[in-house]
Amino acid sequence: MGKLALAAKITHVPSMYLSELPGPRQGFRQAAIDGHLEISRRCRELGVDTIVVFDTHWLVNANYHVLCGPHFKGVYTSNELPHFISNMEYEFPGNTELGLILADTCNQFNVETMAHHATTLGPEYGTLVPMRYMNQDQHFKVTSVSALCTSHFLADSARLGWAMRKAVEDHYDGTVAFLASGSLSHRFAQNGQAPDFATKVWSPFLETLDERVVKMWENAEWEEFCGMLPEYASKGHGEGFMHDTAMLLGALGWSKYDGKADVVTPYFGSSGTGQINAIFPVTPQDGSSIPPAQAANPSAVVSTSRL
């Protein structure tokens, strides 16, 4: 019935918003903004009606959650970085129908998921920042999925992504994009040193690790990457333990995925963290690509609760 037309790993650095404002940082995140505009252009070209964001700023301690209210509007200030995002207005339509379908299908595949449509809960900035640039005209409906998961297995997040693609293809009459909104390495600069790391990665180790991972994505080394993802997420300080990335790759076929990443904003440093905008071509997958409920390698199902 439906179609997953586009998948991408995207940045949501709050300095993108700061980059709009008059001051010494004005314009310095234009490449990241341009990457979002390009992703939006491709979504429109593909006929996408709804963007589903795997949001690493939505922290949850139990279950997976889908925010699918009919409409979102408000003024947002980041409690984490209020000096970067303050009084930012937002508005876009939601997609209750799709959110309910996503949650129902995940539950059918034993990934416990709850949909929230009659709620005062608002989206986090992992969704709000990208939508500011991709969806300023409210062209797309938007649904958010919790991806800062404190007590969850990466294998379950991969399975959730796979189930959500099944939900779109089997039960939704429309065209959807999945966006994994989060960084690669996410080691912030130490307090007091942030200005010195405004455009840098925290350490040569993390920068080298991230750059090797990007090459793996461009070379379609997915079996190797999926095998190392839990350790990379831990030792590389992956944002949200990289549950967003696991969700995205689950939707694409996990270790059997065969697409090559198309980098639309080259890797860059921001406040110590490693960032990118990269589109992952959606390729056909069959039932054999479903991520395992439990992996043979114990390290592949490491919980984030120890972080």
C-alpha atoms as a PDB file:
ATOM      1  CA  MET A   1       0.000   0.000   0.000  1.00  0.00           C
ATOM      2  CA  GLY A   2       2.355   2.689   1.251  1.00  0.00           C
ATOM      3  CA  LYS A   3       5.975   3.482   0.523  1.00  0.00           C
ATOM      4  CA  LEU A   4       9.094   4.384   2.450  1.00  0.00           C
ATOM      5  CA  ALA A   5      10.629   6.779  -0.063  1.00  0.00           C
ATOM      6  CA  LEU A   6      13.561   8.376   1.775  1.00  0.00           C
ATOM      7  CA  ALA A   7      15.738   7.616   4.783  1.00  0.00           C
ATOM      8  CA  ALA A   8      18.440   9.829   6.249  1.00  0.00           C
ATOM      9  CA  LYS A   9      20.705  10.407   9.219  1.00  0.00           C
ATOM     10  CA  ILE A  10      20.513  14.099  10.063  1.00  0.00           C
ATOM     11  CA  THR A  11      21.923  16.727  12.369  1.00  0.00           C
ATOM     12  CA  HIS A  12      19.787  18.877  14.652  1.00  0.00           C
ATOM     13  CA  VAL A  13      22.480  21.022  16.240  1.00  0.00           C
ATOM     14  CA  PRO A  14      20.898  24.054  17.983  1.00  0.00           C
ATOM     15  CA  SER A  15      23.618  26.253  16.555  1.00  0.00           C
ATOM     16  CA  MET A  16      21.683  26.043  13.281  1.00  0.00           C
ATOM     17  CA  TYR A  17      19.071  28.291  14.854  1.00  0.00           C
ATOM     18  CA  LEU A  18      21.792  30.480  16.365  1.00  0.00           C
ATOM     19  CA  SER A  19      23.255  30.740  12.873  1.00  0.00           C
ATOM     20  CA  GLU A  20      20.136  32.614  11.742  1.00  0.00           C
ATOM     21  CA  LEU A  21      20.492  35.358  14.314  1.00  0.00           C
ATOM     22  CA  PRO A  22      22.633  38.509  14.137  1.00  0.00           C
ATOM     23  CA  GLY A  23      25.927  38.096  15.917  1.00  0.00           C
ATOM     24  CA  PRO A  24      29.370  36.497  15.584  1.00  0.00           C
ATOM     25  CA  ARG A  25      27.939  33.067  14.634  1.00  0.00           C
ATOM     26  CA  GLN A  26      25.503  34.256  11.992  1.00  0.00           C
ATOM     27  CA  GLY A  27      25.698  32.056   8.909  1.00  0.00           C
ATOM     28  CA  PHE A  28      28.238  29.570  10.258  1.00  0.00           C
ATOM     29  CA  ARG A  29      25.828  26.595  10.028  1.00  0.00           C
ATOM     30  CA  GLN A  30      24.614  27.339   6.513  1.00  0.00           C
ATOM     31  CA  ALA A  31      25.983  24.037   5.169  1.00  0.00           C
ATOM     32  CA  ALA A  32      23.872  22.085   7.660  1.00  0.00           C
ATOM     33  CA  ILE A  33      20.801  24.187   6.838  1.00  0.00           C
ATOM     34  CA  ASP A  34      21.403  23.677   3.115  1.00  0.00           C
ATOM     35  CA  GLY A  35      21.559  19.924   3.746  1.00  0.00           C
ATOM     36  CA  HIS A  36      18.132  20.035   5.371  1.00  0.00           C
ATOM     37  CA  LEU A  37      16.780  22.042   2.455  1.00  0.00           C
ATOM     38  CA  GLU A  38      18.140  19.432   0.045  1.00  0.00           C
ATOM     39  CA  ILE A  39      16.515  16.591   2.001  1.00  0.00           C
ATOM     40  CA  SER A  40      13.251  18.522   1.940  1.00  0.00           C
ATOM     41  CA  ARG A  41      13.564  19.032  -1.811  1.00  0.00           C
ATOM     42  CA  ARG A  42      14.095  15.326  -2.385  1.00  0.00           C
ATOM     43  CA  CYS A  43      11.168  14.419  -0.138  1.00  0.00           C
ATOM     44  CA  ARG A  44       8.906  16.707  -2.142  1.00  0.00           C
ATOM     45  CA  GLU A  45      10.212  15.267  -5.396  1.00  0.00           C
ATOM     46  CA  LEU A  46       9.394  11.753  -4.134  1.00  0.00           C
ATOM     47  CA  GLY A  47       5.874  12.704  -3.059  1.00  0.00           C
ATOM     48  CA  VAL A  48       6.445  12.279   0.688  1.00  0.00           C
ATOM     49  CA  ASP A  49       3.392  13.268   2.725  1.00  0.00           C
ATOM     50  CA  THR A  50       4.714  12.517   6.235  1.00  0.00           C
ATOM     51  CA  ILE A  51       8.127  12.716   7.880  1.00  0.00           C
ATOM     52  CA  VAL A  52       8.751  10.363  10.789  1.00  0.00           C
ATOM     53  CA  VAL A  53      11.588  11.570  13.024  1.00  0.00           C
ATOM     54  CA  PHE A  54      13.525   9.234  15.307  1.00  0.00           C
ATOM     55  CA  ASP A  55      14.292  11.912  17.886  1.00  0.00           C
ATOM     56  CA  THR A  56      17.298  11.461  20.195  1.00  0.00           C
ATOM     57  CA  HIS A  57      16.110  14.388  22.321  1.00  0.00           C
ATOM     58  CA  TRP A  58      12.963  12.566  23.383  1.00  0.00           C
ATOM     59  CA  LEU A  59      14.049  10.740  26.529  1.00  0.00           C
ATOM     60  CA  VAL A  60      11.981   7.757  27.664  1.00  0.00           C
ATOM     61  CA  ASN A  61      12.632   5.230  30.422  1.00  0.00           C
ATOM     62  CA  ALA A  62      10.208   2.485  29.378  1.00  0.00           C
ATOM     63  CA  ASN A  63       8.532   1.356  26.152  1.00  0.00           C
ATOM     64  CA  TYR A  64       8.827   3.060  22.784  1.00  0.00           C
ATOM     65  CA  HIS A  65       6.569   6.030  22.094  1.00  0.00           C
ATOM     66  CA  VAL A  66       5.086   7.726  19.038  1.00  0.00           C
ATOM     67  CA  LEU A  67       3.894  11.335  19.169  1.00  0.00           C
ATOM     68  CA  CYS A  68       1.120  11.683  16.603  1.00  0.00           C
ATOM     69  CA  GLY A  69      -1.153  14.555  17.556  1.00  0.00           C
ATOM     70  CA  PRO A  70      -3.203  16.134  14.764  1.00  0.00           C
ATOM     71  CA  HIS A  71      -1.380  19.479  14.916  1.00  0.00           C
ATOM     72  CA  PHE A  72       1.594  21.019  16.691  1.00  0.00           C
ATOM     73  CA  LYS A  73       2.138  24.697  17.414  1.00  0.00           C
ATOM     74  CA  GLY A  74       4.060  26.542  20.080  1.00  0.00           C
ATOM     75  CA  VAL A  75       7.106  28.460  21.217  1.00  0.00           C
ATOM     76  CA  TYR A  76      10.120  26.401  22.270  1.00  0.00           C
ATOM     77  CA  THR A  77      13.112  27.145  24.490  1.00  0.00           C
ATOM     78  CA  SER A  78      15.670  24.411  25.047  1.00  0.00           C
ATOM     79  CA  ASN A  79      16.137  23.492  28.701  1.00  0.00           C
ATOM     80  CA  GLU A  80      19.506  22.012  27.742  1.00  0.00           C
ATOM     81  CA  LEU A  81      20.882  24.968  25.786  1.00  0.00           C
ATOM     82  CA  PRO A  82      18.587  27.964  26.377  1.00  0.00           C
ATOM     83  CA  HIS A  83      21.279  30.319  25.135  1.00  0.00           C
ATOM     84  CA  PHE A  84      21.153  28.589  21.736  1.00  0.00           C
ATOM     85  CA  ILE A  85      17.414  27.996  21.246  1.00  0.00           C
ATOM     86  CA  SER A  86      15.168  30.561  22.913  1.00  0.00           C
ATOM     87  CA  ASN A  87      11.560  31.407  22.019  1.00  0.00           C
ATOM     88  CA  MET A  88      11.658  29.542  18.701  1.00  0.00           C
ATOM     89  CA  GLU A  89       8.208  29.375  17.126  1.00  0.00           C
ATOM     90  CA  TYR A  90       7.046  26.209  15.396  1.00  0.00           C
ATOM     91  CA  GLU A  91       3.943  24.862  13.692  1.00  0.00           C
ATOM     92  CA  PHE A  92       3.199  21.834  11.523  1.00  0.00           C
ATOM     93  CA  PRO A  93       0.466  19.219  11.059  1.00  0.00           C
ATOM     94  CA  GLY A  94       0.741  15.786  12.656  1.00  0.00           C
ATOM     95  CA  ASN A  95      -0.445  12.415  11.392  1.00  0.00           C
ATOM     96  CA  THR A  96      -2.557  10.558  13.933  1.00  0.00           C
ATOM     97  CA  GLU A  97      -3.559   7.837  11.475  1.00  0.00           C
ATOM     98  CA  LEU A  98       0.030   6.897  10.681  1.00  0.00           C
ATOM     99  CA  GLY A  99       1.155   7.098  14.312  1.00  0.00           C
ATOM    100  CA  LEU A 100      -1.508   4.622  15.404  1.00  0.00           C
ATOM    101  CA  ILE A 101      -0.579   2.277  12.563  1.00  0.00           C
ATOM    102  CA  LEU A 102       3.121   2.449  13.476  1.00  0.00           C
ATOM    103  CA  ALA A 103       2.524   1.643  17.130  1.00  0.00           C
ATOM    104  CA  ASP A 104       0.044  -1.151  16.394  1.00  0.00           C
ATOM    105  CA  THR A 105       2.401  -2.874  13.966  1.00  0.00           C
ATOM    106  CA  CYS A 106       5.379  -2.607  16.330  1.00  0.00           C
ATOM    107  CA  ASN A 107       3.310  -4.264  19.048  1.00  0.00           C
ATOM    108  CA  GLN A 108       2.406  -7.066  16.634  1.00  0.00           C
ATOM    109  CA  PHE A 109       6.132  -7.733  16.291  1.00  0.00           C
ATOM    110  CA  ASN A 110       6.605  -7.724  20.080  1.00  0.00           C
ATOM    111  CA  VAL A 111       8.212  -4.290  20.320  1.00  0.00           C
ATOM    112  CA  GLU A 112       6.120  -2.602  22.999  1.00  0.00           C
ATOM    113  CA  THR A 113       5.109   0.770  21.605  1.00  0.00           C
ATOM    114  CA  MET A 114       2.532   3.387  22.595  1.00  0.00           C
ATOM    115  CA  ALA A 115       0.969   6.091  20.395  1.00  0.00           C
ATOM    116  CA  HIS A 116       0.039   9.485  21.859  1.00  0.00           C
ATOM    117  CA  HIS A 117      -2.398  11.661  19.930  1.00  0.00           C
ATOM    118  CA  ALA A 118      -4.718  13.154  22.581  1.00  0.00           C
ATOM    119  CA  THR A 119      -1.957  14.784  24.601  1.00  0.00           C
ATOM    120  CA  THR A 120      -0.353  18.074  25.579  1.00  0.00           C
ATOM    121  CA  LEU A 121       3.060  16.504  24.906  1.00  0.00           C
ATOM    122  CA  GLY A 122       5.067  18.547  22.440  1.00  0.00           C
ATOM    123  CA  PRO A 123       7.946  17.617  20.123  1.00  0.00           C
ATOM    124  CA  GLU A 124      11.571  17.941  21.189  1.00  0.00           C
ATOM    125  CA  TYR A 125      14.209  19.882  19.304  1.00  0.00           C
ATOM    126  CA  GLY A 126      15.515  16.799  17.528  1.00  0.00           C
ATOM    127  CA  THR A 127      12.297  17.203  15.554  1.00  0.00           C
ATOM    128  CA  LEU A 128      11.765  20.959  15.790  1.00  0.00           C
ATOM    129  CA  VAL A 129      15.128  22.069  14.384  1.00  0.00           C
ATOM    130  CA  PRO A 130      14.957  19.907  11.232  1.00  0.00           C
ATOM    131  CA  MET A 131      11.334  20.837  10.616  1.00  0.00           C
ATOM    132  CA  ARG A 132      12.243  24.520  10.837  1.00  0.00           C
ATOM    133  CA  TYR A 133      14.266  24.121   7.641  1.00  0.00           C
ATOM    134  CA  MET A 134      12.582  21.184   5.920  1.00  0.00           C
ATOM    135  CA  ASN A 135       8.980  22.116   6.604  1.00  0.00           C
ATOM    136  CA  GLN A 136       8.648  25.847   7.088  1.00  0.00           C
ATOM    137  CA  ASP A 137       5.622  25.910   4.756  1.00  0.00           C
ATOM    138  CA  GLN A 138       3.977  23.023   6.673  1.00  0.00           C
ATOM    139  CA  HIS A 139       4.022  20.899   3.521  1.00  0.00           C
ATOM    140  CA  PHE A 140       4.667  17.670   5.439  1.00  0.00           C
ATOM    141  CA  LYS A 141       2.810  16.026   8.274  1.00  0.00           C
ATOM    142  CA  VAL A 142       5.186  15.121  11.112  1.00  0.00           C
ATOM    143  CA  THR A 143       5.334  12.239  13.588  1.00  0.00           C
ATOM    144  CA  SER A 144       8.041  11.809  16.253  1.00  0.00           C
ATOM    145  CA  VAL A 145       9.401   8.584  17.742  1.00  0.00           C
ATOM    146  CA  SER A 146      11.280   8.467  21.053  1.00  0.00           C
ATOM    147  CA  ALA A 147      14.947   7.644  20.444  1.00  0.00           C
ATOM    148  CA  LEU A 148      16.744   8.673  23.636  1.00  0.00           C
ATOM    149  CA  CYS A 149      16.107   5.287  25.197  1.00  0.00           C
ATOM    150  CA  THR A 150      17.638   4.714  28.621  1.00  0.00           C
ATOM    151  CA  SER A 151      16.656   1.085  29.271  1.00  0.00           C
ATOM    152  CA  HIS A 152      16.331  -0.430  25.818  1.00  0.00           C
ATOM    153  CA  PHE A 153      18.223  -2.901  23.645  1.00  0.00           C
ATOM    154  CA  LEU A 154      19.632  -1.677  20.330  1.00  0.00           C
ATOM    155  CA  ALA A 155      18.346  -4.882  18.741  1.00  0.00           C
ATOM    156  CA  ASP A 156      14.794  -3.918  19.746  1.00  0.00           C
ATOM    157  CA  SER A 157      15.252  -0.467  18.228  1.00  0.00           C
ATOM    158  CA  ALA A 158      16.374  -2.074  14.978  1.00  0.00           C
ATOM    159  CA  ARG A 159      13.352  -4.346  15.074  1.00  0.00           C
ATOM    160  CA  LEU A 160      11.129  -1.312  15.694  1.00  0.00           C
ATOM    161  CA  GLY A 161      12.479   0.342  12.563  1.00  0.00           C
ATOM    162  CA  TRP A 162      11.806  -2.798  10.534  1.00  0.00           C
ATOM    163  CA  ALA A 163       8.257  -3.027  11.923  1.00  0.00           C
ATOM    164  CA  MET A 164       7.620   0.632  11.124  1.00  0.00           C
ATOM    165  CA  ARG A 165       8.612   0.090   7.499  1.00  0.00           C
ATOM    166  CA  LYS A 166       6.255  -2.894   7.391  1.00  0.00           C
ATOM    167  CA  ALA A 167       3.533  -0.680   8.862  1.00  0.00           C
ATOM    168  CA  VAL A 168       3.986   1.898   6.106  1.00  0.00           C
ATOM    169  CA  GLU A 169       4.178  -0.615   3.282  1.00  0.00           C
ATOM    170  CA  ASP A 170       1.356  -2.903   4.420  1.00  0.00           C
ATOM    171  CA  HIS A 171      -1.114  -0.621   6.187  1.00  0.00           C
ATOM    172  CA  TYR A 172      -0.634   3.039   5.227  1.00  0.00           C
ATOM    173  CA  ASP A 173      -1.909   4.676   2.075  1.00  0.00           C
ATOM    174  CA  GLY A 174       0.814   7.243   1.557  1.00  0.00           C
ATOM    175  CA  THR A 175       4.507   8.018   1.165  1.00  0.00           C
ATOM    176  CA  VAL A 176       6.814   8.448   4.139  1.00  0.00           C
ATOM    177  CA  ALA A 177      10.369   9.519   5.004  1.00  0.00           C
ATOM    178  CA  PHE A 178      12.263   8.256   8.060  1.00  0.00           C
ATOM    179  CA  LEU A 179      14.861  10.596   9.594  1.00  0.00           C
ATOM    180  CA  ALA A 180      17.316   9.508  12.291  1.00  0.00           C
ATOM    181  CA  SER A 181      17.880  12.798  14.106  1.00  0.00           C
ATOM    182  CA  GLY A 182      21.106  12.575  16.073  1.00  0.00           C
ATOM    183  CA  SER A 183      24.859  12.972  15.908  1.00  0.00           C
ATOM    184  CA  LEU A 184      27.653  10.487  15.463  1.00  0.00           C
ATOM    185  CA  SER A 185      30.023  11.008  18.413  1.00  0.00           C
ATOM    186  CA  HIS A 186      28.346  13.170  21.028  1.00  0.00           C
ATOM    187  CA  ARG A 187      31.036  14.132  23.532  1.00  0.00           C
ATOM    188  CA  PHE A 188      30.354  17.778  24.319  1.00  0.00           C
ATOM    189  CA  ALA A 189      33.224  20.125  25.032  1.00  0.00           C
ATOM    190  CA  GLN A 190      33.987  20.464  28.705  1.00  0.00           C
ATOM    191  CA  ASN A 191      32.265  23.335  30.475  1.00  0.00           C
ATOM    192  CA  GLY A 192      34.189  26.537  29.871  1.00  0.00           C
ATOM    193  CA  GLN A 193      35.749  25.227  26.647  1.00  0.00           C
ATOM    194  CA  ALA A 194      32.655  25.208  24.444  1.00  0.00           C
ATOM    195  CA  PRO A 195      33.561  28.371  22.473  1.00  0.00           C
ATOM    196  CA  ASP A 196      36.908  26.821  21.529  1.00  0.00           C
ATOM    197  CA  PHE A 197      35.131  23.742  20.163  1.00  0.00           C
ATOM    198  CA  ALA A 198      32.313  25.502  18.304  1.00  0.00           C
ATOM    199  CA  THR A 199      33.418  23.912  15.028  1.00  0.00           C
ATOM    200  CA  LYS A 200      35.570  21.069  16.363  1.00  0.00           C
ATOM    201  CA  VAL A 201      35.189  17.461  17.512  1.00  0.00           C
ATOM    202  CA  TRP A 202      36.202  16.762  21.093  1.00  0.00           C
ATOM    203  CA  SER A 203      39.149  14.443  20.373  1.00  0.00           C
ATOM    204  CA  PRO A 204      41.203  13.077  17.453  1.00  0.00           C
ATOM    205  CA  PHE A 205      40.084   9.568  18.452  1.00  0.00           C
ATOM    206  CA  LEU A 206      36.393  10.401  18.123  1.00  0.00           C
ATOM    207  CA  GLU A 207      36.900  12.339  14.902  1.00  0.00           C
ATOM    208  CA  THR A 208      38.870   9.477  13.344  1.00  0.00           C
ATOM    209  CA  LEU A 209      36.276   6.957  14.495  1.00  0.00           C
ATOM    210  CA  ASP A 210      33.412   8.996  13.047  1.00  0.00           C
ATOM    211  CA  GLU A 211      35.175   9.544   9.744  1.00  0.00           C
ATOM    212  CA  ARG A 212      35.840   5.811   9.395  1.00  0.00           C
ATOM    213  CA  VAL A 213      32.154   5.130  10.074  1.00  0.00           C
ATOM    214  CA  VAL A 214      31.106   7.588   7.360  1.00  0.00           C
ATOM    215  CA  LYS A 215      33.396   5.765   4.915  1.00  0.00           C
ATOM    216  CA  MET A 216      31.757   2.483   5.925  1.00  0.00           C
ATOM    217  CA  TRP A 217      28.360   4.010   5.132  1.00  0.00           C
ATOM    218  CA  GLU A 218      29.561   5.284   1.758  1.00  0.00           C
ATOM    219  CA  ASN A 219      31.057   1.868   0.944  1.00  0.00           C
ATOM    220  CA  ALA A 220      27.968  -0.111   2.066  1.00  0.00           C
ATOM    221  CA  GLU A 221      29.899  -1.994   4.771  1.00  0.00           C
ATOM    222  CA  TRP A 222      26.680  -2.639   6.673  1.00  0.00           C
ATOM    223  CA  GLU A 223      27.388  -6.069   8.084  1.00  0.00           C
ATOM    224  CA  GLU A 224      30.573  -4.739   9.674  1.00  0.00           C
ATOM    225  CA  PHE A 225      28.910  -1.547  10.884  1.00  0.00           C
ATOM    226  CA  CYS A 226      25.906  -3.298  12.432  1.00  0.00           C
ATOM    227  CA  GLY A 227      28.276  -5.669  14.207  1.00  0.00           C
ATOM    228  CA  MET A 228      30.230  -2.805  15.754  1.00  0.00           C
ATOM    229  CA  LEU A 229      27.295  -0.475  16.434  1.00  0.00           C
ATOM    230  CA  PRO A 230      26.825  -1.274  20.164  1.00  0.00           C
ATOM    231  CA  GLU A 231      30.516  -0.735  20.924  1.00  0.00           C
ATOM    232  CA  TYR A 232      30.694   2.322  18.686  1.00  0.00           C
ATOM    233  CA  ALA A 233      27.656   3.806  20.424  1.00  0.00           C
ATOM    234  CA  SER A 234      29.317   3.301  23.804  1.00  0.00           C
ATOM    235  CA  LYS A 235      32.973   4.106  23.160  1.00  0.00           C
ATOM    236  CA  GLY A 236      32.129   6.747  20.575  1.00  0.00           C
ATOM    237  CA  HIS A 237      29.657   8.546  22.871  1.00  0.00           C
ATOM    238  CA  GLY A 238      26.873   8.081  20.314  1.00  0.00           C
ATOM    239  CA  GLU A 239      23.925  10.415  20.852  1.00  0.00           C
ATOM    240  CA  GLY A 240      21.025   8.612  22.502  1.00  0.00           C
ATOM    241  CA  PHE A 241      23.225   5.491  22.370  1.00  0.00           C
ATOM    242  CA  MET A 242      22.482   5.665  18.618  1.00  0.00           C
ATOM    243  CA  HIS A 243      19.021   4.177  18.939  1.00  0.00           C
ATOM    244  CA  ASP A 244      17.956   6.445  16.075  1.00  0.00           C
ATOM    245  CA  THR A 245      20.598   4.862  13.862  1.00  0.00           C
ATOM    246  CA  ALA A 246      19.524   1.358  14.861  1.00  0.00           C
ATOM    247  CA  MET A 247      15.912   2.257  14.030  1.00  0.00           C
ATOM    248  CA  LEU A 248      16.906   3.634  10.634  1.00  0.00           C
ATOM    249  CA  LEU A 249      19.042   0.644   9.709  1.00  0.00           C
ATOM    250  CA  GLY A 250      16.349  -1.736  10.927  1.00  0.00           C
ATOM    251  CA  ALA A 251      13.973  -0.087   8.465  1.00  0.00           C
ATOM    252  CA  LEU A 252      16.514  -0.389   5.667  1.00  0.00           C
ATOM    253  CA  GLY A 253      17.346  -4.061   6.207  1.00  0.00           C
ATOM    254  CA  TRP A 254      19.925  -4.011   9.016  1.00  0.00           C
ATOM    255  CA  SER A 255      23.104  -5.900   8.073  1.00  0.00           C
ATOM    256  CA  LYS A 256      21.546  -7.009   4.761  1.00  0.00           C
ATOM    257  CA  TYR A 257      21.086  -3.410   3.608  1.00  0.00           C
ATOM    258  CA  ASP A 258      22.990  -2.751   0.380  1.00  0.00           C
ATOM    259  CA  GLY A 259      22.655   0.985  -0.261  1.00  0.00           C
ATOM    260  CA  LYS A 260      25.513   3.486  -0.232  1.00  0.00           C
ATOM    261  CA  ALA A 261      25.111   6.666   1.803  1.00  0.00           C
ATOM    262  CA  ASP A 262      24.859   9.949  -0.084  1.00  0.00           C
ATOM    263  CA  VAL A 263      26.415  12.670   2.072  1.00  0.00           C
ATOM    264  CA  VAL A 264      24.637  15.991   1.512  1.00  0.00           C
ATOM    265  CA  THR A 265      26.355  17.883   4.345  1.00  0.00           C
ATOM    266  CA  PRO A 266      29.919  16.690   4.935  1.00  0.00           C
ATOM    267  CA  TYR A 267      30.925  15.624   8.439  1.00  0.00           C
ATOM    268  CA  PHE A 268      31.566  18.574  10.750  1.00  0.00           C
ATOM    269  CA  GLY A 269      32.300  19.352  14.385  1.00  0.00           C
ATOM    270  CA  SER A 270      29.887  21.236  16.621  1.00  0.00           C
ATOM    271  CA  SER A 271      30.579  21.999  20.304  1.00  0.00           C
ATOM    272  CA  GLY A 272      32.736  18.866  20.406  1.00  0.00           C
ATOM    273  CA  THR A 273      30.230  16.564  18.687  1.00  0.00           C
ATOM    274  CA  GLY A 274      30.414  14.945  15.244  1.00  0.00           C
ATOM    275  CA  GLN A 275      27.582  15.776  12.831  1.00  0.00           C
ATOM    276  CA  ILE A 276      26.384  14.938   9.323  1.00  0.00           C
ATOM    277  CA  ASN A 277      23.441  14.969   6.915  1.00  0.00           C
ATOM    278  CA  ALA A 278      23.435  11.767   4.857  1.00  0.00           C
ATOM    279  CA  ILE A 279      20.709  10.144   2.760  1.00  0.00           C
ATOM    280  CA  PHE A 280      20.499   6.341   2.728  1.00  0.00           C
ATOM    281  CA  PRO A 281      18.833   5.081  -0.481  1.00  0.00           C
ATOM    282  CA  VAL A 282      15.803   2.896   0.236  1.00  0.00           C
ATOM    283  CA  THR A 283      16.304  -0.494  -1.417  1.00  0.00           C
ATOM    284  CA  PRO A 284      13.945  -3.494  -1.604  1.00  0.00           C
ATOM    285  CA  GLN A 285      14.028  -5.809   1.406  1.00  0.00           C
ATOM    286  CA  ASP A 286      12.330  -9.094   2.162  1.00  0.00           C
ATOM    287  CA  GLY A 287      11.411 -10.898   5.361  1.00  0.00           C
ATOM    288  CA  SER A 288      14.915 -12.290   5.777  1.00  0.00           C
ATOM    289  CA  SER A 289      16.188  -8.819   6.630  1.00  0.00           C
ATOM    290  CA  ILE A 290      14.245  -8.547   9.895  1.00  0.00           C
ATOM    291  CA  PRO A 291      16.662  -7.769  12.754  1.00  0.00           C
ATOM    292  CA  PRO A 292      16.775 -10.540  15.375  1.00  0.00           C
ATOM    293  CA  ALA A 293      14.781 -10.148  18.566  1.00  0.00           C
ATOM    294  CA  GLN A 294      17.929 -11.290  20.346  1.00  0.00           C
ATOM    295  CA  ALA A 295      21.335 -11.302  18.714  1.00  0.00           C
ATOM    296  CA  ALA A 296      23.744 -14.199  19.019  1.00  0.00           C
ATOM    297  CA  ASN A 297      26.475 -11.807  20.089  1.00  0.00           C
ATOM    298  CA  PRO A 298      25.610 -10.542  23.619  1.00  0.00           C
ATOM    299  CA  SER A 299      27.295  -7.216  22.906  1.00  0.00           C
ATOM    300  CA  ALA A 300      24.698  -6.569  20.208  1.00  0.00           C
ATOM    301  CA  VAL A 301      21.921  -6.252  22.768  1.00  0.00           C
ATOM    302  CA  VAL A 302      23.698  -4.091  25.322  1.00  0.00           C
ATOM    303  CA  SER A 303      21.310  -1.927  27.328  1.00  0.00           C
ATOM    304  CA  THR A 304      21.932   1.790  27.695  1.00  0.00           C
ATOM    305  CA  SER A 305      21.116   1.715  31.394  1.00  0.00           C
ATOM    306  CA  ARG A 306      24.796   1.703  32.317  1.00  0.00           C
ATOM    307  CA  LEU A 307      25.476   5.047  30.612  1.00  0.00           C
END
